[in-house]
Amino acid sequence: MKFVRETPTAITIRHVERGRIVIGDEAVTENVILHRDRIERGWLPTAGNDLSVDDISSIIKLQPEIIVYGTGWEPVLPARELTFQLARQGIGFEVMDTPAACRTFNILISEDRDVAAILRLI
C-alpha cells in the first residue's frame, strides 16, 4: 500500500462566528458561495424562503453533487419547489444553520465530494 500526502484544499473553513467566517487564512464578513476551488463574494440573495434557482444559477452550472445551504443563525426553509427543481437536475440540497453548513462542507470536501455551499453571514 502506498501512502500519499494530500494537500488540503484552499477552501477549508477554519472558524465560524456570527457575521464572520475564516476560510483558509482569510476572514470573510459577507454572504458567500463556496465551490471546491473558489469563493464567490458579494452574493446578495433574496430572503431565505424566497431563494430561487436564479439566485444560485452560478452553482447549478457547475452541477455539484450536493449544495449545502447555511441559512444564518436562524432556521429558514426555502420554497419546496427549489428542492424539487434541484433534485430533477440530480443535485442534492441540504438546508441547515450556517455553523452546521460550514462543518458539513468541510467534511464533504475532505471526502473529495463535489460540493458547493451557500453561506449567509448577514
PDB file of N, CA and C in Angstrom:
ATOM      1  N   MET A   1       0.844  -1.164   0.000  1.00  0.00           N
ATOM      2  CA  MET A   1       0.000   0.000   0.000  1.00  0.00           C
ATOM      3  C   MET A   1       0.892   1.231   0.000  1.00  0.00           C
ATOM      4  N   LYS A   2       0.586   2.140  -0.882  1.00  0.00           N
ATOM      5  CA  LYS A   2       1.362   3.372  -0.997  1.00  0.00           C
ATOM      6  C   LYS A   2       0.598   4.515  -0.344  1.00  0.00           C
ATOM      7  N   PHE A   3       1.272   5.262   0.521  1.00  0.00           N
ATOM      8  CA  PHE A   3       0.658   6.423   1.163  1.00  0.00           C
ATOM      9  C   PHE A   3       1.121   7.672   0.453  1.00  0.00           C
ATOM     10  N   VAL A   4       0.178   8.560   0.189  1.00  0.00           N
ATOM     11  CA  VAL A   4       0.479   9.815  -0.478  1.00  0.00           C
ATOM     12  C   VAL A   4      -0.053  10.944   0.383  1.00  0.00           C
ATOM     13  N   ARG A   5       0.790  11.942   0.627  1.00  0.00           N
ATOM     14  CA  ARG A   5       0.340  13.089   1.397  1.00  0.00           C
ATOM     15  C   ARG A   5      -0.481  13.995   0.491  1.00  0.00           C
ATOM     16  N   GLU A   6      -1.707  14.226   0.897  1.00  0.00           N
ATOM     17  CA  GLU A   6      -2.568  15.113   0.124  1.00  0.00           C
ATOM     18  C   GLU A   6      -2.509  16.504   0.721  1.00  0.00           C
ATOM     19  N   THR A   7      -2.465  17.488  -0.157  1.00  0.00           N
ATOM     20  CA  THR A   7      -2.519  18.856   0.335  1.00  0.00           C
ATOM     21  C   THR A   7      -3.977  19.245   0.499  1.00  0.00           C
ATOM     22  N   PRO A   8      -4.323  19.831   1.630  1.00  0.00           N
ATOM     23  CA  PRO A   8      -5.730  20.203   1.821  1.00  0.00           C
ATOM     24  C   PRO A   8      -6.148  21.283   0.836  1.00  0.00           C
ATOM     25  N   THR A   9      -7.412  21.269   0.500  1.00  0.00           N
ATOM     26  CA  THR A   9      -7.935  22.276  -0.413  1.00  0.00           C
ATOM     27  C   THR A   9      -7.828  23.661   0.223  1.00  0.00           C
ATOM     28  N   ALA A  10      -7.662  24.670  -0.586  1.00  0.00           N
ATOM     29  CA  ALA A  10      -7.609  26.041  -0.077  1.00  0.00           C
ATOM     30  C   ALA A  10      -8.957  26.444   0.497  1.00  0.00           C
ATOM     31  N   ILE A  11      -9.995  25.775   0.068  1.00  0.00           N
ATOM     32  CA  ILE A  11     -11.333  26.094   0.551  1.00  0.00           C
ATOM     33  C   ILE A  11     -11.635  25.203   1.755  1.00  0.00           C
ATOM     34  N   THR A  12     -11.084  25.573   2.882  1.00  0.00           N
ATOM     35  CA  THR A  12     -11.356  24.907   4.143  1.00  0.00           C
ATOM     36  C   THR A  12     -11.795  25.971   5.134  1.00  0.00           C
ATOM     37  N   ILE A  13     -12.936  25.764   5.740  1.00  0.00           N
ATOM     38  CA  ILE A  13     -13.448  26.722   6.720  1.00  0.00           C
ATOM     39  C   ILE A  13     -12.792  26.410   8.059  1.00  0.00           C
ATOM     40  N   ARG A  14     -12.107  27.399   8.603  1.00  0.00           N
ATOM     41  CA  ARG A  14     -11.342  27.201   9.840  1.00  0.00           C
ATOM     42  C   ARG A  14     -12.072  27.696  11.083  1.00  0.00           C
ATOM     43  N   HIS A  15     -12.979  28.663  10.908  1.00  0.00           N
ATOM     44  CA  HIS A  15     -13.680  29.234  12.058  1.00  0.00           C
ATOM     45  C   HIS A  15     -14.971  29.885  11.578  1.00  0.00           C
ATOM     46  N   VAL A  16     -16.000  29.787  12.401  1.00  0.00           N
ATOM     47  CA  VAL A  16     -17.268  30.449  12.065  1.00  0.00           C
ATOM     48  C   VAL A  16     -17.834  31.099  13.327  1.00  0.00           C
ATOM     49  N   GLU A  17     -18.296  32.313  13.168  1.00  0.00           N
ATOM     50  CA  GLU A  17     -18.995  33.030  14.235  1.00  0.00           C
ATOM     51  C   GLU A  17     -20.011  33.943  13.573  1.00  0.00           C
ATOM     52  N   ARG A  18     -20.896  34.481  14.352  1.00  0.00           N
ATOM     53  CA  ARG A  18     -21.956  35.328  13.792  1.00  0.00           C
ATOM     54  C   ARG A  18     -21.346  36.474  12.995  1.00  0.00           C
ATOM     55  N   GLY A  19     -21.656  36.521  11.672  1.00  0.00           N
ATOM     56  CA  GLY A  19     -21.185  37.604  10.816  1.00  0.00           C
ATOM     57  C   GLY A  19     -19.775  37.450  10.279  1.00  0.00           C
ATOM     58  N   ARG A  20     -19.110  36.318  10.540  1.00  0.00           N
ATOM     59  CA  ARG A  20     -17.714  36.167  10.097  1.00  0.00           C
ATOM     60  C   ARG A  20     -17.338  34.691  10.031  1.00  0.00           C
ATOM     61  N   ILE A  21     -16.691  34.323   8.923  1.00  0.00           N
ATOM     62  CA  ILE A  21     -16.072  33.001   8.846  1.00  0.00           C
ATOM     63  C   ILE A  21     -14.644  33.177   8.356  1.00  0.00           C
ATOM     64  N   VAL A  22     -13.798  32.240   8.725  1.00  0.00           N
ATOM     65  CA  VAL A  22     -12.416  32.250   8.260  1.00  0.00           C
ATOM     66  C   VAL A  22     -12.266  31.069   7.306  1.00  0.00           C
ATOM     67  N   ILE A  23     -11.916  31.399   6.065  1.00  0.00           N
ATOM     68  CA  ILE A  23     -11.723  30.397   5.023  1.00  0.00           C
ATOM     69  C   ILE A  23     -10.232  30.398   4.710  1.00  0.00           C
ATOM     70  N   GLY A  24      -9.574  29.294   4.981  1.00  0.00           N
ATOM     71  CA  GLY A  24      -8.115  29.283   4.861  1.00  0.00           C
ATOM     72  C   GLY A  24      -7.553  30.273   5.853  1.00  0.00           C
ATOM     73  N   ASP A  25      -6.835  31.265   5.368  1.00  0.00           N
ATOM     74  CA  ASP A  25      -6.278  32.301   6.227  1.00  0.00           C
ATOM     75  C   ASP A  25      -7.017  33.622   6.093  1.00  0.00           C
ATOM     76  N   GLU A  26      -8.142  33.629   5.413  1.00  0.00           N
ATOM     77  CA  GLU A  26      -8.848  34.862   5.101  1.00  0.00           C
ATOM     78  C   GLU A  26     -10.186  34.958   5.846  1.00  0.00           C
ATOM     79  N   ALA A  27     -10.419  36.087   6.503  1.00  0.00           N
ATOM     80  CA  ALA A  27     -11.699  36.336   7.168  1.00  0.00           C
ATOM     81  C   ALA A  27     -12.684  36.913   6.154  1.00  0.00           C
ATOM     82  N   VAL A  28     -13.897  36.380   6.138  1.00  0.00           N
ATOM     83  CA  VAL A  28     -14.949  36.826   5.236  1.00  0.00           C
ATOM     84  C   VAL A  28     -16.123  37.288   6.087  1.00  0.00           C
ATOM     85  N   THR A  29     -16.654  38.468   5.769  1.00  0.00           N
ATOM     86  CA  THR A  29     -17.746  39.035   6.555  1.00  0.00           C
ATOM     87  C   THR A  29     -18.998  39.309   5.719  1.00  0.00           C
ATOM     88  N   GLU A  30     -19.088  38.662   4.586  1.00  0.00           N
ATOM     89  CA  GLU A  30     -20.257  38.831   3.719  1.00  0.00           C
ATOM     90  C   GLU A  30     -20.750  37.465   3.283  1.00  0.00           C
ATOM     91  N   ASN A  31     -21.985  37.408   2.813  1.00  0.00           N
ATOM     92  CA  ASN A  31     -22.522  36.151   2.299  1.00  0.00           C
ATOM     93  C   ASN A  31     -21.620  35.643   1.181  1.00  0.00           C
ATOM     94  N   VAL A  32     -21.420  34.329   1.134  1.00  0.00           N
ATOM     95  CA  VAL A  32     -20.544  33.751   0.120  1.00  0.00           C
ATOM     96  C   VAL A  32     -21.115  32.460  -0.428  1.00  0.00           C
ATOM     97  N   ILE A  33     -20.614  32.122  -1.601  1.00  0.00           N
ATOM     98  CA  ILE A  33     -20.848  30.812  -2.191  1.00  0.00           C
ATOM     99  C   ILE A  33     -19.477  30.164  -2.327  1.00  0.00           C
ATOM    100  N   LEU A  34     -19.348  28.960  -1.806  1.00  0.00           N
ATOM    101  CA  LEU A  34     -18.085  28.230  -1.891  1.00  0.00           C
ATOM    102  C   LEU A  34     -18.225  27.062  -2.851  1.00  0.00           C
ATOM    103  N   HIS A  35     -17.198  26.896  -3.640  1.00  0.00           N
ATOM    104  CA  HIS A  35     -17.086  25.729  -4.512  1.00  0.00           C
ATOM    105  C   HIS A  35     -15.841  24.976  -4.067  1.00  0.00           C
ATOM    106  N   ARG A  36     -15.563  23.881  -4.682  1.00  0.00           N
ATOM    107  CA  ARG A  36     -14.367  23.110  -4.332  1.00  0.00           C
ATOM    108  C   ARG A  36     -13.097  23.946  -4.412  1.00  0.00           C
ATOM    109  N   ASP A  37     -13.057  24.861  -5.374  1.00  0.00           N
ATOM    110  CA  ASP A  37     -11.796  25.553  -5.634  1.00  0.00           C
ATOM    111  C   ASP A  37     -11.921  27.067  -5.755  1.00  0.00           C
ATOM    112  N   ARG A  38     -13.061  27.644  -5.348  1.00  0.00           N
ATOM    113  CA  ARG A  38     -13.191  29.097  -5.439  1.00  0.00           C
ATOM    114  C   ARG A  38     -14.273  29.620  -4.505  1.00  0.00           C
ATOM    115  N   ILE A  39     -14.195  30.939  -4.286  1.00  0.00           N
ATOM    116  CA  ILE A  39     -15.131  31.628  -3.412  1.00  0.00           C
ATOM    117  C   ILE A  39     -15.815  32.728  -4.222  1.00  0.00           C
ATOM    118  N   GLU A  40     -17.141  32.788  -4.158  1.00  0.00           N
ATOM    119  CA  GLU A  40     -17.892  33.885  -4.787  1.00  0.00           C
ATOM    120  C   GLU A  40     -18.340  34.824  -3.676  1.00  0.00           C
ATOM    121  N   ARG A  41     -17.795  36.018  -3.662  1.00  0.00           N
ATOM    122  CA  ARG A  41     -18.133  37.007  -2.636  1.00  0.00           C
ATOM    123  C   ARG A  41     -19.234  37.936  -3.135  1.00  0.00           C
ATOM    124  N   GLY A  42     -19.824  38.660  -2.197  1.00  0.00           N
ATOM    125  CA  GLY A  42     -20.797  39.682  -2.558  1.00  0.00           C
ATOM    126  C   GLY A  42     -22.127  39.141  -3.020  1.00  0.00           C
ATOM    127  N   TRP A  43     -22.407  37.913  -2.685  1.00  0.00           N
ATOM    128  CA  TRP A  43     -23.662  37.297  -3.090  1.00  0.00           C
ATOM    129  C   TRP A  43     -24.781  37.867  -2.235  1.00  0.00           C
ATOM    130  N   LEU A  44     -25.751  38.507  -2.854  1.00  0.00           N
ATOM    131  CA  LEU A  44     -26.855  39.130  -2.129  1.00  0.00           C
ATOM    132  C   LEU A  44     -28.169  38.513  -2.571  1.00  0.00           C
ATOM    133  N   PRO A  45     -28.543  37.422  -1.936  1.00  0.00           N
ATOM    134  CA  PRO A  45     -29.776  36.740  -2.346  1.00  0.00           C
ATOM    135  C   PRO A  45     -31.018  37.423  -1.800  1.00  0.00           C
ATOM    136  N   THR A  46     -32.135  36.933  -2.266  1.00  0.00           N
ATOM    137  CA  THR A  46     -33.410  37.366  -1.713  1.00  0.00           C
ATOM    138  C   THR A  46     -33.553  36.758  -0.324  1.00  0.00           C
ATOM    139  N   ALA A  47     -34.653  36.999   0.328  1.00  0.00           N
ATOM    140  CA  ALA A  47     -34.908  36.410   1.638  1.00  0.00           C
ATOM    141  C   ALA A  47     -34.835  34.889   1.538  1.00  0.00           C
ATOM    142  N   GLY A  48     -34.455  34.240   2.627  1.00  0.00           N
ATOM    143  CA  GLY A  48     -34.202  32.805   2.641  1.00  0.00           C
ATOM    144  C   GLY A  48     -35.287  31.937   2.071  1.00  0.00           C
ATOM    145  N   ASN A  49     -36.538  32.206   2.422  1.00  0.00           N
ATOM    146  CA  ASN A  49     -37.597  31.340   1.921  1.00  0.00           C
ATOM    147  C   ASN A  49     -37.997  31.685   0.492  1.00  0.00           C
ATOM    148  N   ASP A  50     -37.392  32.740  -0.072  1.00  0.00           N
ATOM    149  CA  ASP A  50     -37.654  33.105  -1.460  1.00  0.00           C
ATOM    150  C   ASP A  50     -36.488  32.737  -2.379  1.00  0.00           C
ATOM    151  N   LEU A  51     -35.512  32.003  -1.870  1.00  0.00           N
ATOM    152  CA  LEU A  51     -34.351  31.607  -2.662  1.00  0.00           C
ATOM    153  C   LEU A  51     -34.832  30.863  -3.902  1.00  0.00           C
ATOM    154  N   SER A  52     -34.274  31.237  -5.050  1.00  0.00           N
ATOM    155  CA  SER A  52     -34.730  30.630  -6.306  1.00  0.00           C
ATOM    156  C   SER A  52     -33.558  30.045  -7.076  1.00  0.00           C
ATOM    157  N   VAL A  53     -33.877  29.317  -8.110  1.00  0.00           N
ATOM    158  CA  VAL A  53     -32.862  28.754  -8.993  1.00  0.00           C
ATOM    159  C   VAL A  53     -32.011  29.871  -9.592  1.00  0.00           C
ATOM    160  N   ASP A  54     -32.632  30.997  -9.922  1.00  0.00           N
ATOM    161  CA  ASP A  54     -31.875  32.128 -10.482  1.00  0.00           C
ATOM    162  C   ASP A  54     -30.828  32.647  -9.503  1.00  0.00           C
ATOM    163  N   ASP A  55     -31.141  32.651  -8.190  1.00  0.00           N
ATOM    164  CA  ASP A  55     -30.199  33.126  -7.177  1.00  0.00           C
ATOM    165  C   ASP A  55     -28.926  32.286  -7.134  1.00  0.00           C
ATOM    166  N   ILE A  56     -29.043  31.021  -7.483  1.00  0.00           N
ATOM    167  CA  ILE A  56     -27.889  30.125  -7.371  1.00  0.00           C
ATOM    168  C   ILE A  56     -27.502  29.521  -8.724  1.00  0.00           C
ATOM    169  N   SER A  57     -27.795  30.230  -9.789  1.00  0.00           N
ATOM    170  CA  SER A  57     -27.514  29.715 -11.137  1.00  0.00           C
ATOM    171  C   SER A  57     -26.026  29.449 -11.356  1.00  0.00           C
ATOM    172  N   SER A  58     -25.149  30.243 -10.724  1.00  0.00           N
ATOM    173  CA  SER A  58     -23.707  30.023 -10.903  1.00  0.00           C
ATOM    174  C   SER A  58     -23.287  28.667 -10.330  1.00  0.00           C
ATOM    175  N   ILE A  59     -23.955  28.229  -9.286  1.00  0.00           N
ATOM    176  CA  ILE A  59     -23.652  26.912  -8.702  1.00  0.00           C
ATOM    177  C   ILE A  59     -24.212  25.809  -9.593  1.00  0.00           C
ATOM    178  N   ILE A  60     -25.442  25.981 -10.024  1.00  0.00           N
ATOM    179  CA  ILE A  60     -26.105  24.939 -10.814  1.00  0.00           C
ATOM    180  C   ILE A  60     -25.340  24.642 -12.098  1.00  0.00           C
ATOM    181  N   LYS A  61     -24.750  25.666 -12.701  1.00  0.00           N
ATOM    182  CA  LYS A  61     -23.974  25.456 -13.936  1.00  0.00           C
ATOM    183  C   LYS A  61     -22.823  24.484 -13.732  1.00  0.00           C
ATOM    184  N   LEU A  62     -22.279  24.438 -12.516  1.00  0.00           N
ATOM    185  CA  LEU A  62     -21.158  23.539 -12.217  1.00  0.00           C
ATOM    186  C   LEU A  62     -21.606  22.117 -11.898  1.00  0.00           C
ATOM    187  N   GLN A  63     -22.917  21.910 -11.750  1.00  0.00           N
ATOM    188  CA  GLN A  63     -23.508  20.601 -11.484  1.00  0.00           C
ATOM    189  C   GLN A  63     -22.834  19.864 -10.321  1.00  0.00           C
ATOM    190  N   PRO A  64     -22.813  20.472  -9.118  1.00  0.00           N
ATOM    191  CA  PRO A  64     -22.241  19.748  -7.978  1.00  0.00           C
ATOM    192  C   PRO A  64     -23.135  18.579  -7.592  1.00  0.00           C
ATOM    193  N   GLU A  65     -22.567  17.677  -6.864  1.00  0.00           N
ATOM    194  CA  GLU A  65     -23.307  16.524  -6.364  1.00  0.00           C
ATOM    195  C   GLU A  65     -24.337  16.971  -5.313  1.00  0.00           C
ATOM    196  N   ILE A  66     -23.937  17.959  -4.506  1.00  0.00           N
ATOM    197  CA  ILE A  66     -24.786  18.433  -3.420  1.00  0.00           C
ATOM    198  C   ILE A  66     -24.510  19.911  -3.142  1.00  0.00           C
ATOM    199  N   ILE A  67     -25.549  20.628  -2.765  1.00  0.00           N
ATOM    200  CA  ILE A  67     -25.431  22.018  -2.328  1.00  0.00           C
ATOM    201  C   ILE A  67     -25.848  22.068  -0.865  1.00  0.00           C
ATOM    202  N   VAL A  68     -24.988  22.650  -0.035  1.00  0.00           N
ATOM    203  CA  VAL A  68     -25.277  22.834   1.379  1.00  0.00           C
ATOM    204  C   VAL A  68     -25.631  24.304   1.567  1.00  0.00           C
ATOM    205  N   TYR A  69     -26.805  24.566   2.129  1.00  0.00           N
ATOM    206  CA  TYR A  69     -27.286  25.930   2.298  1.00  0.00           C
ATOM    207  C   TYR A  69     -27.295  26.304   3.777  1.00  0.00           C
ATOM    208  N   GLY A  70     -26.408  27.222   4.171  1.00  0.00           N
ATOM    209  CA  GLY A  70     -26.354  27.742   5.533  1.00  0.00           C
ATOM    210  C   GLY A  70     -27.216  28.983   5.623  1.00  0.00           C
ATOM    211  N   THR A  71     -28.298  28.923   6.366  1.00  0.00           N
ATOM    212  CA  THR A  71     -29.314  29.976   6.378  1.00  0.00           C
ATOM    213  C   THR A  71     -29.021  31.118   7.348  1.00  0.00           C
ATOM    214  N   GLY A  72     -27.887  31.098   8.004  1.00  0.00           N
ATOM    215  CA  GLY A  72     -27.589  32.083   9.042  1.00  0.00           C
ATOM    216  C   GLY A  72     -27.734  31.400  10.387  1.00  0.00           C
ATOM    217  N   TRP A  73     -28.128  32.162  11.390  1.00  0.00           N
ATOM    218  CA  TRP A  73     -28.234  31.580  12.726  1.00  0.00           C
ATOM    219  C   TRP A  73     -29.669  31.252  13.102  1.00  0.00           C
ATOM    220  N   GLU A  74     -30.588  31.541  12.232  1.00  0.00           N
ATOM    221  CA  GLU A  74     -31.996  31.204  12.431  1.00  0.00           C
ATOM    222  C   GLU A  74     -32.411  30.224  11.337  1.00  0.00           C
ATOM    223  N   PRO A  75     -33.185  29.209  11.695  1.00  0.00           N
ATOM    224  CA  PRO A  75     -33.629  28.268  10.662  1.00  0.00           C
ATOM    225  C   PRO A  75     -34.595  28.934   9.677  1.00  0.00           C
ATOM    226  N   VAL A  76     -34.326  28.751   8.403  1.00  0.00           N
ATOM    227  CA  VAL A  76     -35.175  29.294   7.338  1.00  0.00           C
ATOM    228  C   VAL A  76     -35.312  28.200   6.284  1.00  0.00           C
ATOM    229  N   LEU A  77     -36.510  27.889   5.930  1.00  0.00           N
ATOM    230  CA  LEU A  77     -36.729  26.881   4.896  1.00  0.00           C
ATOM    231  C   LEU A  77     -37.049  27.559   3.577  1.00  0.00           C
ATOM    232  N   PRO A  78     -36.273  27.263   2.541  1.00  0.00           N
ATOM    233  CA  PRO A  78     -36.596  27.813   1.220  1.00  0.00           C
ATOM    234  C   PRO A  78     -37.832  27.114   0.658  1.00  0.00           C
ATOM    235  N   ALA A  79     -38.338  27.652  -0.410  1.00  0.00           N
ATOM    236  CA  ALA A  79     -39.515  27.074  -1.049  1.00  0.00           C
ATOM    237  C   ALA A  79     -39.238  25.622  -1.442  1.00  0.00           C
ATOM    238  N   ARG A  80     -40.209  24.768  -1.239  1.00  0.00           N
ATOM    239  CA  ARG A  80     -40.058  23.343  -1.580  1.00  0.00           C
ATOM    240  C   ARG A  80     -39.741  23.144  -3.047  1.00  0.00           C
ATOM    241  N   GLU A  81     -40.274  24.010  -3.885  1.00  0.00           N
ATOM    242  CA  GLU A  81     -40.062  23.874  -5.329  1.00  0.00           C
ATOM    243  C   GLU A  81     -38.580  23.943  -5.687  1.00  0.00           C
ATOM    244  N   LEU A  82     -37.797  24.727  -4.944  1.00  0.00           N
ATOM    245  CA  LEU A  82     -36.355  24.806  -5.199  1.00  0.00           C
ATOM    246  C   LEU A  82     -35.706  23.441  -5.013  1.00  0.00           C
ATOM    247  N   THR A  83     -36.046  22.777  -3.929  1.00  0.00           N
ATOM    248  CA  THR A  83     -35.510  21.441  -3.669  1.00  0.00           C
ATOM    249  C   THR A  83     -35.895  20.485  -4.798  1.00  0.00           C
ATOM    250  N   PHE A  84     -37.136  20.567  -5.231  1.00  0.00           N
ATOM    251  CA  PHE A  84     -37.602  19.690  -6.305  1.00  0.00           C
ATOM    252  C   PHE A  84     -36.892  19.987  -7.622  1.00  0.00           C
ATOM    253  N   GLN A  85     -36.700  21.274  -7.930  1.00  0.00           N
ATOM    254  CA  GLN A  85     -36.012  21.648  -9.168  1.00  0.00           C
ATOM    255  C   GLN A  85     -34.574  21.122  -9.167  1.00  0.00           C
ATOM    256  N   LEU A  86     -33.896  21.257  -8.040  1.00  0.00           N
ATOM    257  CA  LEU A  86     -32.519  20.760  -7.951  1.00  0.00           C
ATOM    258  C   LEU A  86     -32.485  19.239  -8.054  1.00  0.00           C
ATOM    259  N   ALA A  87     -33.420  18.571  -7.410  1.00  0.00           N
ATOM    260  CA  ALA A  87     -33.478  17.106  -7.474  1.00  0.00           C
ATOM    261  C   ALA A  87     -33.681  16.630  -8.908  1.00  0.00           C
ATOM    262  N   ARG A  88     -34.512  17.329  -9.667  1.00  0.00           N
ATOM    263  CA  ARG A  88     -34.732  16.952 -11.070  1.00  0.00           C
ATOM    264  C   ARG A  88     -33.439  17.070 -11.885  1.00  0.00           C
ATOM    265  N   GLN A  89     -32.516  17.898 -11.424  1.00  0.00           N
ATOM    266  CA  GLN A  89     -31.229  18.061 -12.102  1.00  0.00           C
ATOM    267  C   GLN A  89     -30.149  17.163 -11.498  1.00  0.00           C
ATOM    268  N   GLY A  90     -30.536  16.329 -10.531  1.00  0.00           N
ATOM    269  CA  GLY A  90     -29.593  15.400  -9.919  1.00  0.00           C
ATOM    270  C   GLY A  90     -28.689  16.042  -8.870  1.00  0.00           C
ATOM    271  N   ILE A  91     -29.120  17.164  -8.299  1.00  0.00           N
ATOM    272  CA  ILE A  91     -28.324  17.872  -7.303  1.00  0.00           C
ATOM    273  C   ILE A  91     -29.031  17.777  -5.957  1.00  0.00           C
ATOM    274  N   GLY A  92     -28.323  17.234  -4.947  1.00  0.00           N
ATOM    275  CA  GLY A  92     -28.870  17.193  -3.597  1.00  0.00           C
ATOM    276  C   GLY A  92     -28.858  18.584  -2.993  1.00  0.00           C
ATOM    277  N   PHE A  93     -29.770  18.847  -2.053  1.00  0.00           N
ATOM    278  CA  PHE A  93     -29.881  20.175  -1.440  1.00  0.00           C
ATOM    279  C   PHE A  93     -30.178  19.992   0.032  1.00  0.00           C
ATOM    280  N   GLU A  94     -29.239  20.410   0.879  1.00  0.00           N
ATOM    281  CA  GLU A  94     -29.390  20.285   2.327  1.00  0.00           C
ATOM    282  C   GLU A  94     -29.424  21.670   2.953  1.00  0.00           C
ATOM    283  N   VAL A  95     -30.379  21.899   3.831  1.00  0.00           N
ATOM    284  CA  VAL A  95     -30.560  23.199   4.479  1.00  0.00           C
ATOM    285  C   VAL A  95     -30.299  23.056   5.970  1.00  0.00           C
ATOM    286  N   MET A  96     -29.488  23.966   6.512  1.00  0.00           N
ATOM    287  CA  MET A  96     -29.156  23.959   7.939  1.00  0.00           C
ATOM    288  C   MET A  96     -28.643  25.329   8.338  1.00  0.00           C
ATOM    289  N   ASP A  97     -28.407  25.550   9.625  1.00  0.00           N
ATOM    290  CA  ASP A  97     -27.846  26.834  10.031  1.00  0.00           C
ATOM    291  C   ASP A  97     -26.404  26.939   9.519  1.00  0.00           C
ATOM    292  N   THR A  98     -25.876  28.144   9.465  1.00  0.00           N
ATOM    293  CA  THR A  98     -24.557  28.366   8.863  1.00  0.00           C
ATOM    294  C   THR A  98     -23.425  27.605   9.566  1.00  0.00           C
ATOM    295  N   PRO A  99     -23.346  27.583  10.909  1.00  0.00           N
ATOM    296  CA  PRO A  99     -22.271  26.797  11.527  1.00  0.00           C
ATOM    297  C   PRO A  99     -22.309  25.321  11.126  1.00  0.00           C
ATOM    298  N   ALA A 100     -23.497  24.727  11.096  1.00  0.00           N
ATOM    299  CA  ALA A 100     -23.626  23.323  10.686  1.00  0.00           C
ATOM    300  C   ALA A 100     -23.259  23.161   9.214  1.00  0.00           C
ATOM    301  N   ALA A 101     -23.641  24.118   8.382  1.00  0.00           N
ATOM    302  CA  ALA A 101     -23.306  24.053   6.957  1.00  0.00           C
ATOM    303  C   ALA A 101     -21.792  24.119   6.753  1.00  0.00           C
ATOM    304  N   CYS A 102     -21.105  24.925   7.547  1.00  0.00           N
ATOM    305  CA  CYS A 102     -19.642  25.012   7.455  1.00  0.00           C
ATOM    306  C   CYS A 102     -18.997  23.678   7.817  1.00  0.00           C
ATOM    307  N   ARG A 103     -19.465  23.064   8.888  1.00  0.00           N
ATOM    308  CA  ARG A 103     -18.917  21.755   9.290  1.00  0.00           C
ATOM    309  C   ARG A 103     -19.183  20.709   8.206  1.00  0.00           C
ATOM    310  N   THR A 104     -20.411  20.706   7.685  1.00  0.00           N
ATOM    311  CA  THR A 104     -20.784  19.731   6.659  1.00  0.00           C
ATOM    312  C   THR A 104     -19.957  19.929   5.389  1.00  0.00           C
ATOM    313  N   PHE A 105     -19.768  21.177   4.977  1.00  0.00           N
ATOM    314  CA  PHE A 105     -18.950  21.469   3.799  1.00  0.00           C
ATOM    315  C   PHE A 105     -17.539  20.912   3.987  1.00  0.00           C
ATOM    316  N   ASN A 106     -16.930  21.176   5.143  1.00  0.00           N
ATOM    317  CA  ASN A 106     -15.572  20.681   5.402  1.00  0.00           C
ATOM    318  C   ASN A 106     -15.498  19.161   5.338  1.00  0.00           C
ATOM    319  N   ILE A 107     -16.481  18.495   5.912  1.00  0.00           N
ATOM    320  CA  ILE A 107     -16.486  17.029   5.898  1.00  0.00           C
ATOM    321  C   ILE A 107     -16.604  16.513   4.473  1.00  0.00           C
ATOM    322  N   LEU A 108     -17.534  17.064   3.705  1.00  0.00           N
ATOM    323  CA  LEU A 108     -17.732  16.590   2.330  1.00  0.00           C
ATOM    324  C   LEU A 108     -16.519  16.882   1.451  1.00  0.00           C
ATOM    325  N   ILE A 109     -15.898  18.051   1.629  1.00  0.00           N
ATOM    326  CA  ILE A 109     -14.683  18.381   0.869  1.00  0.00           C
ATOM    327  C   ILE A 109     -13.560  17.402   1.229  1.00  0.00           C
ATOM    328  N   SER A 110     -13.437  17.085   2.526  1.00  0.00           N
ATOM    329  CA  SER A 110     -12.369  16.167   2.945  1.00  0.00           C
ATOM    330  C   SER A 110     -12.577  14.768   2.373  1.00  0.00           C
ATOM    331  N   GLU A 111     -13.810  14.424   2.035  1.00  0.00           N
ATOM    332  CA  GLU A 111     -14.124  13.139   1.402  1.00  0.00           C
ATOM    333  C   GLU A 111     -14.024  13.218  -0.115  1.00  0.00           C
ATOM    334  N   ASP A 112     -13.534  14.357  -0.621  1.00  0.00           N
ATOM    335  CA  ASP A 112     -13.368  14.599  -2.055  1.00  0.00           C
ATOM    336  C   ASP A 112     -14.694  14.539  -2.801  1.00  0.00           C
ATOM    337  N   ARG A 113     -15.743  15.006  -2.150  1.00  0.00           N
ATOM    338  CA  ARG A 113     -17.059  15.065  -2.778  1.00  0.00           C
ATOM    339  C   ARG A 113     -17.183  16.368  -3.552  1.00  0.00           C
ATOM    340  N   ASP A 114     -18.007  16.379  -4.564  1.00  0.00           N
ATOM    341  CA  ASP A 114     -18.244  17.579  -5.364  1.00  0.00           C
ATOM    342  C   ASP A 114     -19.378  18.351  -4.703  1.00  0.00           C
ATOM    343  N   VAL A 115     -19.010  19.291  -3.851  1.00  0.00           N
ATOM    344  CA  VAL A 115     -19.965  20.008  -3.030  1.00  0.00           C
ATOM    345  C   VAL A 115     -19.812  21.516  -3.232  1.00  0.00           C
ATOM    346  N   ALA A 116     -20.913  22.226  -3.064  1.00  0.00           N
ATOM    347  CA  ALA A 116     -20.908  23.685  -3.031  1.00  0.00           C
ATOM    348  C   ALA A 116     -21.669  24.103  -1.781  1.00  0.00           C
ATOM    349  N   ALA A 117     -21.362  25.294  -1.279  1.00  0.00           N
ATOM    350  CA  ALA A 117     -22.051  25.792  -0.087  1.00  0.00           C
ATOM    351  C   ALA A 117     -22.510  27.222  -0.310  1.00  0.00           C
ATOM    352  N   ILE A 118     -23.718  27.508   0.129  1.00  0.00           N
ATOM    353  CA  ILE A 118     -24.250  28.859   0.166  1.00  0.00           C
ATOM    354  C   ILE A 118     -24.274  29.231   1.633  1.00  0.00           C
ATOM    355  N   LEU A 119     -23.536  30.271   1.998  1.00  0.00           N
ATOM    356  CA  LEU A 119     -23.433  30.622   3.418  1.00  0.00           C
ATOM    357  C   LEU A 119     -23.900  32.046   3.659  1.00  0.00           C
ATOM    358  N   ARG A 120     -24.957  32.180   4.428  1.00  0.00           N
ATOM    359  CA  ARG A 120     -25.453  33.505   4.832  1.00  0.00           C
ATOM    360  C   ARG A 120     -24.745  33.906   6.116  1.00  0.00           C
ATOM    361  N   LEU A 121     -24.102  35.044   6.075  1.00  0.00           N
ATOM    362  CA  LEU A 121     -23.446  35.558   7.262  1.00  0.00           C
ATOM    363  C   LEU A 121     -24.160  36.795   7.776  1.00  0.00           C
ATOM    364  N   ILE A 122     -24.892  37.467   6.908  1.00  0.00           N
ATOM    365  CA  ILE A 122     -25.572  38.700   7.298  1.00  0.00           C
ATOM    366  C   ILE A 122     -27.071  38.489   7.215  1.00  0.00           C
TER     367      ILE A 122
END
